[in-house]
């Protein structure tokens, strides 16, 4: 087992991705995404006058325009005489979902649908067996732990608040989503380090995506590539490779 010593490396905060790092990719793609996709119409119809849905629709319009400017061909986003934006919004949300787009508006909408699913008992969070014990070890050693995922902050809290190992939310120092910036932008990682009040060089980012790790390294963070069952193969670049959080020792 390859070992990465945290304190010896000057790490003060461990920043974790979710999909393919703390949580199986299969859970996200085979449970969460289909659950939200099947309920897009129901949720938008039931909450069409809610401020959150109004904001999502406004952001859809902006994102749709950007897609078209980039030469893509999403479904037309125009209101229907009978049901307003419902059909168009559902079609566009499905188009984004099918392409696994990191759309902030879609992630916000998915989070709202998942919130209802968790409350109804339809959904329960999932993490790999080594995750909770490792986070507790790091916290006991005085290290901070935070999450950075393209999923909304709400979705992150719902997942970690209902895992098979209990509510893990109190173990984290922060939850960051793409409101802080894109995951492949170095500026996003500098902003997270600033929000956590630490130097970038004292943050270790763990992800299964090399492009994200490259952006983190550009910002001055340390990095580790997570290789979990079901992950797509990625070159490690200049990062260490781990298959379990047990490799991240104090």
C-alpha atoms as a PDB file:
ATOM      1  CA  UNK A   1       0.000   0.000   0.000  1.00  0.00           C
ATOM      2  CA  UNK A   2       1.451   3.350  -1.045  1.00  0.00           C
ATOM      3  CA  UNK A   3       1.440   5.792   1.875  1.00  0.00           C
ATOM      4  CA  UNK A   4       1.078   9.574   1.817  1.00  0.00           C
ATOM      5  CA  UNK A   5       2.010  11.137   5.166  1.00  0.00           C
ATOM      6  CA  UNK A   6      -0.209  14.162   5.783  1.00  0.00           C
ATOM      7  CA  UNK A   7       1.462  16.016   8.645  1.00  0.00           C
ATOM      8  CA  UNK A   8       4.968  15.356   7.307  1.00  0.00           C
ATOM      9  CA  UNK A   9       3.793  16.901   4.024  1.00  0.00           C
ATOM     10  CA  UNK A  10       2.521  20.020   5.770  1.00  0.00           C
ATOM     11  CA  UNK A  11      -1.156  19.259   5.147  1.00  0.00           C
ATOM     12  CA  UNK A  12      -3.618  21.137   7.315  1.00  0.00           C
ATOM     13  CA  UNK A  13      -6.811  20.491   5.330  1.00  0.00           C
ATOM     14  CA  UNK A  14      -7.873  17.487   3.254  1.00  0.00           C
ATOM     15  CA  UNK A  15     -10.184  18.604   0.439  1.00  0.00           C
ATOM     16  CA  UNK A  16     -12.235  15.760  -1.036  1.00  0.00           C
ATOM     17  CA  UNK A  17     -14.115  15.220  -4.262  1.00  0.00           C
ATOM     18  CA  UNK A  18     -17.211  12.986  -3.962  1.00  0.00           C
ATOM     19  CA  UNK A  19     -17.927  10.922  -7.078  1.00  0.00           C
ATOM     20  CA  UNK A  20     -15.207   8.285  -7.443  1.00  0.00           C
ATOM     21  CA  UNK A  21     -13.412   9.498  -4.306  1.00  0.00           C
ATOM     22  CA  UNK A  22     -15.662   9.205  -1.249  1.00  0.00           C
ATOM     23  CA  UNK A  23     -18.592   7.621  -3.069  1.00  0.00           C
ATOM     24  CA  UNK A  24     -18.920   4.986  -5.807  1.00  0.00           C
ATOM     25  CA  UNK A  25     -19.539   6.377  -9.282  1.00  0.00           C
ATOM     26  CA  UNK A  26     -22.270   3.765  -9.653  1.00  0.00           C
ATOM     27  CA  UNK A  27     -24.268   5.329  -6.797  1.00  0.00           C
ATOM     28  CA  UNK A  28     -24.250   8.711  -8.504  1.00  0.00           C
ATOM     29  CA  UNK A  29     -24.967   7.482 -12.037  1.00  0.00           C
ATOM     30  CA  UNK A  30     -27.248   4.544 -11.292  1.00  0.00           C
ATOM     31  CA  UNK A  31     -29.178   5.859  -8.278  1.00  0.00           C
ATOM     32  CA  UNK A  32     -29.061   9.653  -7.885  1.00  0.00           C
ATOM     33  CA  UNK A  33     -29.121  10.798 -11.517  1.00  0.00           C
ATOM     34  CA  UNK A  34     -31.984   8.485 -12.613  1.00  0.00           C
ATOM     35  CA  UNK A  35     -33.984   9.399  -9.508  1.00  0.00           C
ATOM     36  CA  UNK A  36     -33.796  13.106 -10.301  1.00  0.00           C
ATOM     37  CA  UNK A  37     -34.333  12.663 -14.054  1.00  0.00           C
ATOM     38  CA  UNK A  38     -37.541  10.705 -13.499  1.00  0.00           C
ATOM     39  CA  UNK A  39     -38.948  13.498 -11.310  1.00  0.00           C
ATOM     40  CA  UNK A  40     -37.978  16.621 -13.247  1.00  0.00           C
ATOM     41  CA  UNK A  41     -41.470  17.294 -14.589  1.00  0.00           C
ATOM     42  CA  UNK A  42     -43.195  16.482 -11.305  1.00  0.00           C
ATOM     43  CA  UNK A  43     -40.966  18.808  -9.291  1.00  0.00           C
ATOM     44  CA  UNK A  44     -40.980  21.715 -11.736  1.00  0.00           C
ATOM     45  CA  UNK A  45     -44.765  21.481 -12.115  1.00  0.00           C
ATOM     46  CA  UNK A  46     -45.429  21.283  -8.377  1.00  0.00           C
ATOM     47  CA  UNK A  47     -43.081  24.158  -7.514  1.00  0.00           C
ATOM     48  CA  UNK A  48     -43.267  26.328 -10.621  1.00  0.00           C
ATOM     49  CA  UNK A  49     -44.039  29.462  -8.591  1.00  0.00           C
ATOM     50  CA  UNK A  50     -41.374  28.867  -5.937  1.00  0.00           C
ATOM     51  CA  UNK A  51     -38.514  31.426  -5.922  1.00  0.00           C
ATOM     52  CA  UNK A  52     -35.910  28.648  -6.205  1.00  0.00           C
ATOM     53  CA  UNK A  53     -37.530  27.242  -9.342  1.00  0.00           C
ATOM     54  CA  UNK A  54     -37.890  30.736 -10.816  1.00  0.00           C
ATOM     55  CA  UNK A  55     -34.155  31.233 -10.284  1.00  0.00           C
ATOM     56  CA  UNK A  56     -33.359  27.841 -11.850  1.00  0.00           C
ATOM     57  CA  UNK A  57     -35.394  28.737 -14.947  1.00  0.00           C
ATOM     58  CA  UNK A  58     -33.611  32.092 -15.222  1.00  0.00           C
ATOM     59  CA  UNK A  59     -30.246  30.345 -15.042  1.00  0.00           C
ATOM     60  CA  UNK A  60     -31.395  27.776 -17.601  1.00  0.00           C
ATOM     61  CA  UNK A  61     -32.010  30.622 -20.051  1.00  0.00           C
ATOM     62  CA  UNK A  62     -28.467  31.967 -19.543  1.00  0.00           C
ATOM     63  CA  UNK A  63     -26.877  28.511 -19.785  1.00  0.00           C
ATOM     64  CA  UNK A  64     -28.923  27.637 -22.872  1.00  0.00           C
ATOM     65  CA  UNK A  65     -27.737  30.784 -24.617  1.00  0.00           C
ATOM     66  CA  UNK A  66     -24.128  29.908 -23.761  1.00  0.00           C
ATOM     67  CA  UNK A  67     -24.597  26.380 -25.133  1.00  0.00           C
ATOM     68  CA  UNK A  68     -25.896  27.762 -28.417  1.00  0.00           C
ATOM     69  CA  UNK A  69     -23.038  30.260 -28.667  1.00  0.00           C
ATOM     70  CA  UNK A  70     -20.599  27.365 -28.314  1.00  0.00           C
ATOM     71  CA  UNK A  71     -22.141  25.625 -31.305  1.00  0.00           C
ATOM     72  CA  UNK A  72     -24.199  23.051 -29.425  1.00  0.00           C
ATOM     73  CA  UNK A  73     -27.790  22.172 -30.235  1.00  0.00           C
ATOM     74  CA  UNK A  74     -29.871  21.850 -27.051  1.00  0.00           C
ATOM     75  CA  UNK A  75     -33.667  21.577 -27.216  1.00  0.00           C
ATOM     76  CA  UNK A  76     -35.356  24.904 -27.849  1.00  0.00           C
ATOM     77  CA  UNK A  77     -36.003  26.781 -24.622  1.00  0.00           C
ATOM     78  CA  UNK A  78     -39.205  28.680 -25.407  1.00  0.00           C
ATOM     79  CA  UNK A  79     -42.471  28.807 -23.440  1.00  0.00           C
ATOM     80  CA  UNK A  80     -45.443  26.709 -24.544  1.00  0.00           C
ATOM     81  CA  UNK A  81     -48.787  28.517 -24.874  1.00  0.00           C
ATOM     82  CA  UNK A  82     -50.473  26.058 -22.487  1.00  0.00           C
ATOM     83  CA  UNK A  83     -47.902  25.201 -19.836  1.00  0.00           C
ATOM     84  CA  UNK A  84     -45.378  27.995 -20.050  1.00  0.00           C
ATOM     85  CA  UNK A  85     -41.774  26.892 -19.566  1.00  0.00           C
ATOM     86  CA  UNK A  86     -42.522  23.384 -18.251  1.00  0.00           C
ATOM     87  CA  UNK A  87     -42.014  21.285 -21.397  1.00  0.00           C
ATOM     88  CA  UNK A  88     -39.003  23.301 -22.527  1.00  0.00           C
ATOM     89  CA  UNK A  89     -37.346  23.257 -19.094  1.00  0.00           C
ATOM     90  CA  UNK A  90     -37.846  19.501 -18.696  1.00  0.00           C
ATOM     91  CA  UNK A  91     -36.430  18.794 -22.167  1.00  0.00           C
ATOM     92  CA  UNK A  92     -33.387  20.980 -21.532  1.00  0.00           C
ATOM     93  CA  UNK A  93     -32.795  19.481 -18.072  1.00  0.00           C
ATOM     94  CA  UNK A  94     -32.970  15.980 -19.575  1.00  0.00           C
ATOM     95  CA  UNK A  95     -30.514  17.015 -22.301  1.00  0.00           C
ATOM     96  CA  UNK A  96     -28.076  18.300 -19.662  1.00  0.00           C
ATOM     97  CA  UNK A  97     -28.511  15.181 -17.507  1.00  0.00           C
ATOM     98  CA  UNK A  98     -27.878  12.799 -20.390  1.00  0.00           C
ATOM     99  CA  UNK A  99     -24.576  14.563 -21.074  1.00  0.00           C
ATOM    100  CA  UNK A 100     -23.548  14.689 -17.394  1.00  0.00           C
ATOM    101  CA  UNK A 101     -23.148  18.430 -17.727  1.00  0.00           C
ATOM    102  CA  UNK A 102     -21.917  20.337 -14.683  1.00  0.00           C
ATOM    103  CA  UNK A 103     -24.697  22.866 -15.082  1.00  0.00           C
ATOM    104  CA  UNK A 104     -25.129  24.926 -11.885  1.00  0.00           C
ATOM    105  CA  UNK A 105     -28.870  25.275 -12.542  1.00  0.00           C
ATOM    106  CA  UNK A 106     -29.287  21.536 -13.121  1.00  0.00           C
ATOM    107  CA  UNK A 107     -27.268  20.733  -9.991  1.00  0.00           C
ATOM    108  CA  UNK A 108     -29.488  23.057  -7.972  1.00  0.00           C
ATOM    109  CA  UNK A 109     -32.613  21.395  -9.364  1.00  0.00           C
ATOM    110  CA  UNK A 110     -31.260  17.899  -8.740  1.00  0.00           C
ATOM    111  CA  UNK A 111     -30.452  18.874  -5.163  1.00  0.00           C
ATOM    112  CA  UNK A 112     -34.031  19.957  -4.526  1.00  0.00           C
ATOM    113  CA  UNK A 113     -35.397  16.708  -5.951  1.00  0.00           C
ATOM    114  CA  UNK A 114     -32.932  14.620  -3.942  1.00  0.00           C
ATOM    115  CA  UNK A 115     -33.847  16.562  -0.797  1.00  0.00           C
ATOM    116  CA  UNK A 116     -37.432  15.396  -1.190  1.00  0.00           C
ATOM    117  CA  UNK A 117     -36.195  11.854  -1.852  1.00  0.00           C
ATOM    118  CA  UNK A 118     -34.030  11.739   1.264  1.00  0.00           C
ATOM    119  CA  UNK A 119     -36.853  13.111   3.391  1.00  0.00           C
ATOM    120  CA  UNK A 120     -39.251  10.507   1.988  1.00  0.00           C
ATOM    121  CA  UNK A 121     -36.775   7.717   2.735  1.00  0.00           C
ATOM    122  CA  UNK A 122     -36.340   6.868  -0.947  1.00  0.00           C
ATOM    123  CA  UNK A 123     -32.659   7.812  -0.885  1.00  0.00           C
ATOM    124  CA  UNK A 124     -29.769   7.208   1.476  1.00  0.00           C
ATOM    125  CA  UNK A 125     -26.191   8.428   1.108  1.00  0.00           C
ATOM    126  CA  UNK A 126     -23.317   6.078   0.366  1.00  0.00           C
ATOM    127  CA  UNK A 127     -19.583   6.243   1.037  1.00  0.00           C
ATOM    128  CA  UNK A 128     -16.769   3.719   0.753  1.00  0.00           C
ATOM    129  CA  UNK A 129     -16.072   1.787   4.019  1.00  0.00           C
ATOM    130  CA  UNK A 130     -12.717   3.501   4.610  1.00  0.00           C
ATOM    131  CA  UNK A 131     -14.077   7.043   4.357  1.00  0.00           C
ATOM    132  CA  UNK A 132     -15.688   7.706   7.759  1.00  0.00           C
ATOM    133  CA  UNK A 133     -12.872   6.149   9.845  1.00  0.00           C
ATOM    134  CA  UNK A 134     -10.244   8.075   7.889  1.00  0.00           C
ATOM    135  CA  UNK A 135     -12.009  11.406   8.286  1.00  0.00           C
ATOM    136  CA  UNK A 136     -12.328  10.820  12.024  1.00  0.00           C
ATOM    137  CA  UNK A 137      -8.593  10.019  12.241  1.00  0.00           C
ATOM    138  CA  UNK A 138      -7.713  13.202  10.415  1.00  0.00           C
ATOM    139  CA  UNK A 139      -9.994  15.288  12.591  1.00  0.00           C
ATOM    140  CA  UNK A 140      -8.596  13.706  15.771  1.00  0.00           C
ATOM    141  CA  UNK A 141      -5.123  14.722  14.556  1.00  0.00           C
ATOM    142  CA  UNK A 142      -6.253  18.333  14.220  1.00  0.00           C
ATOM    143  CA  UNK A 143      -6.658  18.422  10.447  1.00  0.00           C
ATOM    144  CA  UNK A 144      -9.573  20.058   8.685  1.00  0.00           C
ATOM    145  CA  UNK A 145     -11.668  18.209   6.136  1.00  0.00           C
ATOM    146  CA  UNK A 146     -13.807  19.776   3.391  1.00  0.00           C
ATOM    147  CA  UNK A 147     -15.726  18.782   0.259  1.00  0.00           C
ATOM    148  CA  UNK A 148     -15.527  20.259  -3.241  1.00  0.00           C
ATOM    149  CA  UNK A 149     -17.956  18.769  -5.744  1.00  0.00           C
ATOM    150  CA  UNK A 150     -19.898  19.835  -8.806  1.00  0.00           C
ATOM    151  CA  UNK A 151     -23.023  18.677  -6.962  1.00  0.00           C
ATOM    152  CA  UNK A 152     -24.729  21.463  -5.033  1.00  0.00           C
ATOM    153  CA  UNK A 153     -23.863  22.131  -1.401  1.00  0.00           C
ATOM    154  CA  UNK A 154     -27.379  20.979  -0.529  1.00  0.00           C
ATOM    155  CA  UNK A 155     -26.814  17.673  -2.340  1.00  0.00           C
ATOM    156  CA  UNK A 156     -23.490  17.205  -0.557  1.00  0.00           C
ATOM    157  CA  UNK A 157     -25.016  17.709   2.879  1.00  0.00           C
ATOM    158  CA  UNK A 158     -27.898  15.359   2.073  1.00  0.00           C
ATOM    159  CA  UNK A 159     -25.534  12.596   0.963  1.00  0.00           C
ATOM    160  CA  UNK A 160     -23.162  12.824   3.937  1.00  0.00           C
ATOM    161  CA  UNK A 161     -26.001  13.358   6.377  1.00  0.00           C
ATOM    162  CA  UNK A 162     -27.569   9.977   5.625  1.00  0.00           C
ATOM    163  CA  UNK A 163     -24.773   7.478   4.972  1.00  0.00           C
ATOM    164  CA  UNK A 164     -24.693   3.842   6.045  1.00  0.00           C
ATOM    165  CA  UNK A 165     -22.246   5.023   8.752  1.00  0.00           C
ATOM    166  CA  UNK A 166     -24.484   7.741  10.100  1.00  0.00           C
ATOM    167  CA  UNK A 167     -24.472  11.527   9.768  1.00  0.00           C
ATOM    168  CA  UNK A 168     -20.975  12.621   8.744  1.00  0.00           C
ATOM    169  CA  UNK A 169     -21.805  16.299   8.136  1.00  0.00           C
ATOM    170  CA  UNK A 170     -20.451  17.492  11.536  1.00  0.00           C
ATOM    171  CA  UNK A 171     -17.019  16.100  10.584  1.00  0.00           C
ATOM    172  CA  UNK A 172     -16.545  18.609   7.764  1.00  0.00           C
ATOM    173  CA  UNK A 173     -15.208  22.145   7.953  1.00  0.00           C
ATOM    174  CA  UNK A 174     -16.818  23.224   4.711  1.00  0.00           C
ATOM    175  CA  UNK A 175     -18.796  22.264   1.624  1.00  0.00           C
ATOM    176  CA  UNK A 176     -17.956  23.876  -1.710  1.00  0.00           C
ATOM    177  CA  UNK A 177     -19.729  23.563  -5.053  1.00  0.00           C
ATOM    178  CA  UNK A 178     -19.271  25.298  -8.398  1.00  0.00           C
ATOM    179  CA  UNK A 179     -20.550  28.562  -6.934  1.00  0.00           C
ATOM    180  CA  UNK A 180     -16.897  29.005  -5.953  1.00  0.00           C
ATOM    181  CA  UNK A 181     -15.867  28.373  -9.569  1.00  0.00           C
ATOM    182  CA  UNK A 182     -15.295  25.534 -12.070  1.00  0.00           C
ATOM    183  CA  UNK A 183     -13.423  22.478 -10.807  1.00  0.00           C
ATOM    184  CA  UNK A 184     -10.877  22.753 -13.611  1.00  0.00           C
ATOM    185  CA  UNK A 185      -9.934  26.343 -12.779  1.00  0.00           C
ATOM    186  CA  UNK A 186      -7.000  27.112 -10.499  1.00  0.00           C
ATOM    187  CA  UNK A 187      -8.800  30.190  -9.184  1.00  0.00           C
ATOM    188  CA  UNK A 188     -11.476  27.960  -7.623  1.00  0.00           C
ATOM    189  CA  UNK A 189      -8.902  26.205  -5.450  1.00  0.00           C
ATOM    190  CA  UNK A 190      -7.281  29.465  -4.394  1.00  0.00           C
ATOM    191  CA  UNK A 191     -10.731  30.718  -3.361  1.00  0.00           C
ATOM    192  CA  UNK A 192     -11.368  27.564  -1.315  1.00  0.00           C
ATOM    193  CA  UNK A 193      -8.022  27.839   0.475  1.00  0.00           C
ATOM    194  CA  UNK A 194      -8.820  31.481   1.252  1.00  0.00           C
ATOM    195  CA  UNK A 195     -12.275  30.541   2.576  1.00  0.00           C
ATOM    196  CA  UNK A 196     -10.677  27.902   4.816  1.00  0.00           C
ATOM    197  CA  UNK A 197      -8.088  30.476   5.968  1.00  0.00           C
ATOM    198  CA  UNK A 198      -5.074  28.339   5.034  1.00  0.00           C
ATOM    199  CA  UNK A 199      -2.252  28.564   2.534  1.00  0.00           C
ATOM    200  CA  UNK A 200      -2.934  26.644  -0.697  1.00  0.00           C
ATOM    201  CA  UNK A 201       0.208  24.569  -0.132  1.00  0.00           C
ATOM    202  CA  UNK A 202      -1.272  23.187   3.103  1.00  0.00           C
ATOM    203  CA  UNK A 203      -4.364  21.778   1.339  1.00  0.00           C
ATOM    204  CA  UNK A 204      -4.387  18.247  -0.082  1.00  0.00           C
ATOM    205  CA  UNK A 205      -6.985  17.738  -2.822  1.00  0.00           C
ATOM    206  CA  UNK A 206      -8.132  14.173  -3.525  1.00  0.00           C
ATOM    207  CA  UNK A 207     -10.010  13.518  -6.776  1.00  0.00           C
ATOM    208  CA  UNK A 208     -10.420  10.865  -9.454  1.00  0.00           C
ATOM    209  CA  UNK A 209     -10.059  13.399 -12.310  1.00  0.00           C
ATOM    210  CA  UNK A 210      -6.573  14.398 -13.436  1.00  0.00           C
ATOM    211  CA  UNK A 211      -7.714  17.706 -14.972  1.00  0.00           C
ATOM    212  CA  UNK A 212      -9.086  18.800 -11.587  1.00  0.00           C
ATOM    213  CA  UNK A 213      -5.868  17.783  -9.853  1.00  0.00           C
ATOM    214  CA  UNK A 214      -3.844  19.722 -12.430  1.00  0.00           C
ATOM    215  CA  UNK A 215      -5.873  22.854 -11.672  1.00  0.00           C
ATOM    216  CA  UNK A 216      -5.368  22.327  -7.939  1.00  0.00           C
ATOM    217  CA  UNK A 217      -1.593  21.924  -8.404  1.00  0.00           C
ATOM    218  CA  UNK A 218      -1.507  25.099 -10.492  1.00  0.00           C
ATOM    219  CA  UNK A 219      -3.125  26.884  -7.531  1.00  0.00           C
ATOM    220  CA  UNK A 220      -0.414  25.527  -5.216  1.00  0.00           C
ATOM    221  CA  UNK A 221      -2.354  22.685  -3.585  1.00  0.00           C
ATOM    222  CA  UNK A 222      -0.987  19.207  -3.017  1.00  0.00           C
ATOM    223  CA  UNK A 223      -2.834  16.454  -4.867  1.00  0.00           C
ATOM    224  CA  UNK A 224      -3.617  12.741  -4.812  1.00  0.00           C
ATOM    225  CA  UNK A 225      -5.380  10.716  -7.514  1.00  0.00           C
ATOM    226  CA  UNK A 226      -8.160   8.477  -6.207  1.00  0.00           C
ATOM    227  CA  UNK A 227      -8.417   5.105  -7.976  1.00  0.00           C
ATOM    228  CA  UNK A 228     -11.617   3.375  -6.904  1.00  0.00           C
ATOM    229  CA  UNK A 229     -13.619   0.459  -8.346  1.00  0.00           C
ATOM    230  CA  UNK A 230     -15.593   1.664 -11.352  1.00  0.00           C
ATOM    231  CA  UNK A 231     -13.505   4.811 -11.937  1.00  0.00           C
ATOM    232  CA  UNK A 232     -12.464   5.777 -15.430  1.00  0.00           C
ATOM    233  CA  UNK A 233      -8.684   5.384 -15.914  1.00  0.00           C
ATOM    234  CA  UNK A 234      -6.773   8.663 -15.614  1.00  0.00           C
ATOM    235  CA  UNK A 235      -3.034   9.300 -15.775  1.00  0.00           C
ATOM    236  CA  UNK A 236      -1.663  10.307 -12.390  1.00  0.00           C
ATOM    237  CA  UNK A 237       0.592  13.058 -13.703  1.00  0.00           C
ATOM    238  CA  UNK A 238       2.666  14.402 -10.826  1.00  0.00           C
ATOM    239  CA  UNK A 239       0.252  13.214  -8.140  1.00  0.00           C
ATOM    240  CA  UNK A 240       0.498  10.210  -5.856  1.00  0.00           C
ATOM    241  CA  UNK A 241      -2.087   7.478  -6.430  1.00  0.00           C
ATOM    242  CA  UNK A 242      -4.211   5.887  -3.696  1.00  0.00           C
ATOM    243  CA  UNK A 243      -6.880   3.194  -3.749  1.00  0.00           C
ATOM    244  CA  UNK A 244      -8.085   3.787  -0.187  1.00  0.00           C
ATOM    245  CA  UNK A 245      -8.035   6.602   2.353  1.00  0.00           C
ATOM    246  CA  UNK A 246      -6.068   4.237   4.593  1.00  0.00           C
ATOM    247  CA  UNK A 247      -3.069   5.336   2.501  1.00  0.00           C
ATOM    248  CA  UNK A 248      -3.436   8.894   3.791  1.00  0.00           C
ATOM    249  CA  UNK A 249      -1.747   8.459   7.152  1.00  0.00           C
ATOM    250  CA  UNK A 250      -1.182  11.000   9.865  1.00  0.00           C
END
